[in-house]
Amino acid sequence: MGKDYDVGILYAGQTVDVVYDPQNIAKVRIEPKNHEPFYAEPAKVGTHVAKKPTRAEIERIQTDSSRLLDAVSKTADERERRAVISYSSALAGDENV
């Protein structure tokens, strides 16, 4: 056929069955093994390939921590651990240092 069809990112890297009419390849039927069959149209490549998803469509990933915040707190902890060097206490109270 020589055409690319847009089936979405969900099926990237998977093997699916494609059913089509050689006389009309405007739409092809995609039959994945674990999902319902659907129709795909030829891929359109341009400056704006796909519409921008709405905020409701974007799934938020729940996180337990942040690498950036962990690094900042680690740096702050290291700074607090550094002791001020007091030569008089290091030399057992000798005031003529």
C-alpha atoms as a PDB file:
ATOM      1  CA  MET A   1       0.000   0.000   0.000  1.00  0.00           C
ATOM      2  CA  GLY A   2       2.744   2.465   0.881  1.00  0.00           C
ATOM      3  CA  LYS A   3       0.614   4.669   3.170  1.00  0.00           C
ATOM      4  CA  ASP A   4       0.930   5.394   6.867  1.00  0.00           C
ATOM      5  CA  TYR A   5      -2.158   5.356   9.055  1.00  0.00           C
ATOM      6  CA  ASP A   6      -2.633   7.068  12.402  1.00  0.00           C
ATOM      7  CA  VAL A   7      -3.696   4.515  15.027  1.00  0.00           C
ATOM      8  CA  GLY A   8      -2.541   6.381  18.128  1.00  0.00           C
ATOM      9  CA  ILE A   9       0.263   5.862  20.590  1.00  0.00           C
ATOM     10  CA  LEU A  10      -1.563   3.081  22.417  1.00  0.00           C
ATOM     11  CA  TYR A  11      -0.678   0.616  19.673  1.00  0.00           C
ATOM     12  CA  ALA A  12       2.947   1.674  19.102  1.00  0.00           C
ATOM     13  CA  GLY A  13       5.150  -1.400  18.879  1.00  0.00           C
ATOM     14  CA  GLN A  14       2.214  -3.837  18.895  1.00  0.00           C
ATOM     15  CA  THR A  15       1.120  -6.212  16.171  1.00  0.00           C
ATOM     16  CA  VAL A  16      -2.439  -5.651  14.945  1.00  0.00           C
ATOM     17  CA  ASP A  17      -4.521  -7.035  12.088  1.00  0.00           C
ATOM     18  CA  VAL A  18      -5.387  -4.617   9.306  1.00  0.00           C
ATOM     19  CA  VAL A  19      -8.453  -5.202   7.139  1.00  0.00           C
ATOM     20  CA  TYR A  20      -8.991  -3.007   4.080  1.00  0.00           C
ATOM     21  CA  ASP A  21     -10.628  -2.822   0.694  1.00  0.00           C
ATOM     22  CA  PRO A  22      -7.936  -2.455  -2.012  1.00  0.00           C
ATOM     23  CA  GLN A  23     -10.326  -0.262  -4.044  1.00  0.00           C
ATOM     24  CA  ASN A  24     -10.889   2.167  -1.138  1.00  0.00           C
ATOM     25  CA  ILE A  25      -7.972   2.719   1.208  1.00  0.00           C
ATOM     26  CA  ALA A  26      -9.290   5.990   2.652  1.00  0.00           C
ATOM     27  CA  LYS A  27     -10.066   4.095   5.873  1.00  0.00           C
ATOM     28  CA  VAL A  28      -8.673   0.823   7.144  1.00  0.00           C
ATOM     29  CA  ARG A  29     -10.051  -1.336   9.929  1.00  0.00           C
ATOM     30  CA  ILE A  30      -7.590  -1.999  12.754  1.00  0.00           C
ATOM     31  CA  GLU A  31      -8.230  -5.128  14.808  1.00  0.00           C
ATOM     32  CA  PRO A  32      -6.058  -5.264  17.943  1.00  0.00           C
ATOM     33  CA  LYS A  33      -6.033  -8.496  19.932  1.00  0.00           C
ATOM     34  CA  ASN A  34      -7.136  -7.075  23.294  1.00  0.00           C
ATOM     35  CA  HIS A  35      -9.358  -4.160  22.182  1.00  0.00           C
ATOM     36  CA  GLU A  36     -12.369  -3.415  20.037  1.00  0.00           C
ATOM     37  CA  PRO A  37     -11.740  -2.936  16.297  1.00  0.00           C
ATOM     38  CA  PHE A  38     -11.744   0.629  14.985  1.00  0.00           C
ATOM     39  CA  TYR A  39     -11.105   2.540  11.764  1.00  0.00           C
ATOM     40  CA  ALA A  40      -7.951   4.531  11.053  1.00  0.00           C
ATOM     41  CA  GLU A  41      -7.397   7.259   8.497  1.00  0.00           C
ATOM     42  CA  PRO A  42      -4.173   8.081   6.646  1.00  0.00           C
ATOM     43  CA  ALA A  43      -1.662   9.983   8.754  1.00  0.00           C
ATOM     44  CA  LYS A  44      -1.415  13.702   8.082  1.00  0.00           C
ATOM     45  CA  VAL A  45       2.044  15.102   8.616  1.00  0.00           C
ATOM     46  CA  GLY A  46       2.357  18.863   8.832  1.00  0.00           C
ATOM     47  CA  THR A  47       3.363  21.654  11.147  1.00  0.00           C
ATOM     48  CA  HIS A  48       0.464  20.862  13.472  1.00  0.00           C
ATOM     49  CA  VAL A  49       0.019  17.112  13.290  1.00  0.00           C
ATOM     50  CA  ALA A  50      -2.522  16.506  16.033  1.00  0.00           C
ATOM     51  CA  LYS A  51      -4.849  18.695  18.014  1.00  0.00           C
ATOM     52  CA  LYS A  52      -3.682  19.694  21.460  1.00  0.00           C
ATOM     53  CA  PRO A  53      -5.388  17.633  24.176  1.00  0.00           C
ATOM     54  CA  THR A  54      -7.557  19.454  26.687  1.00  0.00           C
ATOM     55  CA  ARG A  55      -6.495  19.598  30.303  1.00  0.00           C
ATOM     56  CA  ALA A  56      -9.205  17.096  31.254  1.00  0.00           C
ATOM     57  CA  GLU A  57      -7.739  14.561  28.812  1.00  0.00           C
ATOM     58  CA  ILE A  58      -4.268  14.746  30.323  1.00  0.00           C
ATOM     59  CA  GLU A  59      -3.789  12.235  33.103  1.00  0.00           C
ATOM     60  CA  ARG A  60      -1.873  13.482  36.087  1.00  0.00           C
ATOM     61  CA  ILE A  61       0.778  11.138  37.417  1.00  0.00           C
ATOM     62  CA  GLN A  62       0.767  10.868  41.175  1.00  0.00           C
ATOM     63  CA  THR A  63       4.243  11.310  42.640  1.00  0.00           C
ATOM     64  CA  ASP A  64       5.614  10.571  46.055  1.00  0.00           C
ATOM     65  CA  SER A  65       8.740  12.677  45.725  1.00  0.00           C
ATOM     66  CA  SER A  66      10.565  15.143  43.533  1.00  0.00           C
ATOM     67  CA  ARG A  67      14.175  14.616  42.448  1.00  0.00           C
ATOM     68  CA  LEU A  68      14.733  18.363  42.354  1.00  0.00           C
ATOM     69  CA  LEU A  69      13.357  18.936  45.855  1.00  0.00           C
ATOM     70  CA  ASP A  70      15.320  15.930  47.174  1.00  0.00           C
ATOM     71  CA  ALA A  71      18.553  17.384  45.758  1.00  0.00           C
ATOM     72  CA  VAL A  72      17.859  20.808  47.267  1.00  0.00           C
ATOM     73  CA  SER A  73      17.092  19.377  50.702  1.00  0.00           C
ATOM     74  CA  LYS A  74      20.204  17.158  50.540  1.00  0.00           C
ATOM     75  CA  THR A  75      22.346  20.207  49.771  1.00  0.00           C
ATOM     76  CA  ALA A  76      20.748  22.102  52.650  1.00  0.00           C
ATOM     77  CA  ASP A  77      21.336  19.160  55.022  1.00  0.00           C
ATOM     78  CA  GLU A  78      24.993  18.982  54.006  1.00  0.00           C
ATOM     79  CA  ARG A  79      25.364  22.707  54.610  1.00  0.00           C
ATOM     80  CA  GLU A  80      23.892  22.323  58.115  1.00  0.00           C
ATOM     81  CA  ARG A  81      26.213  19.420  58.935  1.00  0.00           C
ATOM     82  CA  ARG A  82      29.306  21.431  58.200  1.00  0.00           C
ATOM     83  CA  ALA A  83      30.619  22.638  61.521  1.00  0.00           C
ATOM     84  CA  VAL A  84      32.262  25.966  62.031  1.00  0.00           C
ATOM     85  CA  ILE A  85      35.916  25.344  62.743  1.00  0.00           C
ATOM     86  CA  SER A  86      36.960  26.769  66.089  1.00  0.00           C
ATOM     87  CA  TYR A  87      40.717  26.545  66.508  1.00  0.00           C
ATOM     88  CA  SER A  88      40.537  27.380  70.190  1.00  0.00           C
ATOM     89  CA  SER A  89      38.326  24.362  70.891  1.00  0.00           C
ATOM     90  CA  ALA A  90      40.477  22.197  68.616  1.00  0.00           C
ATOM     91  CA  LEU A  91      43.563  23.057  70.687  1.00  0.00           C
ATOM     92  CA  ALA A  92      41.841  22.279  73.991  1.00  0.00           C
ATOM     93  CA  GLY A  93      40.954  25.790  75.000  1.00  0.00           C
ATOM     94  CA  ASP A  94      44.329  27.425  74.444  1.00  0.00           C
ATOM     95  CA  GLU A  95      43.552  31.088  73.851  1.00  0.00           C
ATOM     96  CA  ASN A  96      46.883  31.921  72.226  1.00  0.00           C
ATOM     97  CA  VAL A  97      46.065  30.534  68.826  1.00  0.00           C
END
